[in-house]
Amino acid sequence: MSVRFYLGINDAGKQTLVIVTVDENGNNVAYYKDQQGKLQSAIFDFTTPSPPFNKDSDL
């Protein structure tokens, strides 16, 4: 398996990066069964807002 990255819009209407797992055939996998047979989400959003930009910074 691998992952794909997509730009999405969250519930607040803000753009966010979404990570989706991909199976061995190249298909997006939205859900999977865990070891107990329970359905789990395979879509992840680990993004956090960046700090405010400082226009006076040398970086």
N, C-alpha and C. Protein backbone atom coordinates (compact mmCIF):
# COMPACT_ATOMS: atom_id res chain seq x y z
N MET A 1 0.84 -1.19 0.00
CA MET A 1 0.00 0.00 0.00
C MET A 1 0.88 1.24 0.00
N SER A 2 0.28 2.33 -0.43
CA SER A 2 0.95 3.63 -0.41
C SER A 2 -0.09 4.69 -0.07
N VAL A 3 0.24 5.94 -0.29
CA VAL A 3 -0.69 7.02 -0.01
C VAL A 3 -0.74 8.00 -1.18
N ARG A 4 -1.84 8.72 -1.26
CA ARG A 4 -1.99 9.83 -2.21
C ARG A 4 -2.37 11.06 -1.41
N PHE A 5 -2.00 12.20 -1.94
CA PHE A 5 -2.31 13.47 -1.29
C PHE A 5 -3.26 14.26 -2.17
N TYR A 6 -4.32 14.78 -1.56
CA TYR A 6 -5.32 15.57 -2.27
C TYR A 6 -5.54 16.87 -1.51
N LEU A 7 -5.90 17.92 -2.24
CA LEU A 7 -6.36 19.15 -1.61
C LEU A 7 -7.87 19.02 -1.45
N GLY A 8 -8.36 19.36 -0.29
CA GLY A 8 -9.79 19.28 -0.03
C GLY A 8 -10.27 20.52 0.69
N ILE A 9 -11.57 20.59 0.92
CA ILE A 9 -12.19 21.68 1.67
C ILE A 9 -12.82 21.08 2.91
N ASN A 10 -12.44 21.59 4.08
CA ASN A 10 -12.97 21.04 5.33
C ASN A 10 -14.34 21.65 5.65
N ASP A 11 -14.91 21.25 6.78
CA ASP A 11 -16.25 21.72 7.17
C ASP A 11 -16.31 23.22 7.38
N ALA A 12 -15.16 23.84 7.67
CA ALA A 12 -15.11 25.29 7.88
C ALA A 12 -14.91 26.05 6.57
N GLY A 13 -14.84 25.31 5.44
CA GLY A 13 -14.66 25.95 4.14
C GLY A 13 -13.21 26.29 3.83
N LYS A 14 -12.29 25.77 4.62
CA LYS A 14 -10.86 26.06 4.43
C LYS A 14 -10.20 24.92 3.66
N GLN A 15 -9.21 25.29 2.83
CA GLN A 15 -8.46 24.29 2.08
C GLN A 15 -7.58 23.49 3.04
N THR A 16 -7.52 22.18 2.83
CA THR A 16 -6.73 21.30 3.69
C THR A 16 -6.12 20.18 2.86
N LEU A 17 -5.02 19.63 3.33
CA LEU A 17 -4.37 18.51 2.68
C LEU A 17 -4.92 17.21 3.27
N VAL A 18 -5.36 16.30 2.40
CA VAL A 18 -5.96 15.04 2.82
C VAL A 18 -5.09 13.91 2.30
N ILE A 19 -4.80 12.94 3.15
CA ILE A 19 -3.98 11.79 2.80
C ILE A 19 -4.89 10.57 2.71
N VAL A 20 -4.86 9.87 1.57
CA VAL A 20 -5.71 8.71 1.33
C VAL A 20 -4.84 7.50 1.06
N THR A 21 -5.13 6.39 1.72
CA THR A 21 -4.36 5.17 1.47
C THR A 21 -4.75 4.57 0.12
N VAL A 22 -3.79 3.86 -0.49
CA VAL A 22 -3.97 3.25 -1.80
C VAL A 22 -3.60 1.77 -1.70
N ASP A 23 -4.42 0.90 -2.29
CA ASP A 23 -4.12 -0.54 -2.23
C ASP A 23 -3.09 -0.94 -3.30
N GLU A 24 -2.74 -2.22 -3.32
CA GLU A 24 -1.71 -2.72 -4.22
C GLU A 24 -2.10 -2.62 -5.69
N ASN A 25 -3.39 -2.40 -5.97
CA ASN A 25 -3.87 -2.24 -7.35
C ASN A 25 -4.00 -0.78 -7.77
N GLY A 26 -3.59 0.13 -6.90
CA GLY A 26 -3.68 1.55 -7.21
C GLY A 26 -5.02 2.18 -6.94
N ASN A 27 -5.89 1.48 -6.21
CA ASN A 27 -7.22 2.01 -5.88
C ASN A 27 -7.20 2.73 -4.54
N ASN A 28 -7.88 3.89 -4.48
CA ASN A 28 -8.03 4.57 -3.20
C ASN A 28 -8.79 3.66 -2.24
N VAL A 29 -8.39 3.65 -0.99
CA VAL A 29 -9.04 2.85 0.04
C VAL A 29 -9.59 3.81 1.09
N ALA A 30 -10.91 3.95 1.14
CA ALA A 30 -11.51 4.88 2.08
C ALA A 30 -11.71 4.25 3.46
N TYR A 31 -11.90 2.92 3.50
CA TYR A 31 -12.12 2.22 4.77
C TYR A 31 -11.43 0.87 4.74
N TYR A 32 -11.13 0.34 5.90
CA TYR A 32 -10.57 -0.99 6.02
C TYR A 32 -11.10 -1.64 7.29
N LYS A 33 -11.00 -2.94 7.37
CA LYS A 33 -11.42 -3.65 8.58
C LYS A 33 -10.20 -3.88 9.46
N ASP A 34 -10.32 -3.54 10.74
CA ASP A 34 -9.22 -3.78 11.67
C ASP A 34 -9.21 -5.25 12.10
N GLN A 35 -8.33 -5.60 13.01
CA GLN A 35 -8.18 -7.00 13.42
C GLN A 35 -9.43 -7.56 14.09
N GLN A 36 -10.26 -6.68 14.62
CA GLN A 36 -11.52 -7.11 15.24
C GLN A 36 -12.67 -7.12 14.24
N GLY A 37 -12.39 -6.77 12.97
CA GLY A 37 -13.42 -6.75 11.95
C GLY A 37 -14.24 -5.47 11.92
N LYS A 38 -13.82 -4.46 12.68
CA LYS A 38 -14.54 -3.19 12.71
C LYS A 38 -14.04 -2.30 11.58
N LEU A 39 -14.96 -1.57 10.95
CA LEU A 39 -14.63 -0.68 9.85
C LEU A 39 -13.94 0.57 10.40
N GLN A 40 -12.79 0.90 9.82
CA GLN A 40 -12.00 2.06 10.23
C GLN A 40 -11.75 2.96 9.03
N SER A 41 -11.65 4.26 9.26
CA SER A 41 -11.36 5.19 8.18
C SER A 41 -9.92 5.06 7.74
N ALA A 42 -9.68 5.17 6.43
CA ALA A 42 -8.32 5.15 5.89
C ALA A 42 -7.99 6.49 5.25
N ILE A 43 -8.73 7.53 5.62
CA ILE A 43 -8.49 8.88 5.14
C ILE A 43 -8.01 9.70 6.32
N PHE A 44 -6.88 10.39 6.14
CA PHE A 44 -6.25 11.08 7.25
C PHE A 44 -6.03 12.55 6.92
N ASP A 45 -6.21 13.40 7.89
CA ASP A 45 -5.93 14.83 7.75
C ASP A 45 -5.04 15.20 8.93
N PHE A 46 -3.73 15.26 8.69
CA PHE A 46 -2.76 15.57 9.75
C PHE A 46 -2.26 17.01 9.64
N THR A 47 -2.91 17.82 8.84
CA THR A 47 -2.41 19.16 8.62
C THR A 47 -2.68 20.06 9.81
N THR A 48 -1.85 21.04 9.99
CA THR A 48 -2.04 22.06 11.01
C THR A 48 -1.77 23.42 10.35
N PRO A 49 -2.43 24.45 10.80
CA PRO A 49 -2.19 25.76 10.20
C PRO A 49 -0.75 26.21 10.41
N SER A 50 -0.21 26.91 9.44
CA SER A 50 1.14 27.43 9.60
C SER A 50 1.08 28.68 10.47
N PRO A 51 2.20 29.01 11.12
CA PRO A 51 2.19 30.23 11.94
C PRO A 51 2.07 31.45 11.03
N PRO A 52 1.66 32.58 11.58
CA PRO A 52 1.55 33.80 10.76
C PRO A 52 2.88 34.13 10.09
N PHE A 53 2.81 34.60 8.87
CA PHE A 53 4.00 34.96 8.11
C PHE A 53 4.54 36.28 8.62
N ASN A 54 5.84 36.34 8.88
CA ASN A 54 6.50 37.57 9.32
C ASN A 54 7.24 38.15 8.13
N LYS A 55 6.70 39.20 7.51
CA LYS A 55 7.30 39.77 6.32
C LYS A 55 8.68 40.37 6.58
N ASP A 56 9.03 40.65 7.85
CA ASP A 56 10.34 41.23 8.18
C ASP A 56 11.39 40.17 8.47
N SER A 57 11.02 38.92 8.42
CA SER A 57 11.94 37.83 8.71
C SER A 57 12.96 37.65 7.58
N ASP A 58 14.17 37.22 7.91
CA ASP A 58 15.20 36.95 6.91
C ASP A 58 15.07 35.57 6.30
N LEU A 59 14.13 34.76 6.79
CA LEU A 59 13.98 33.40 6.28
C LEU A 59 13.33 33.36 4.94
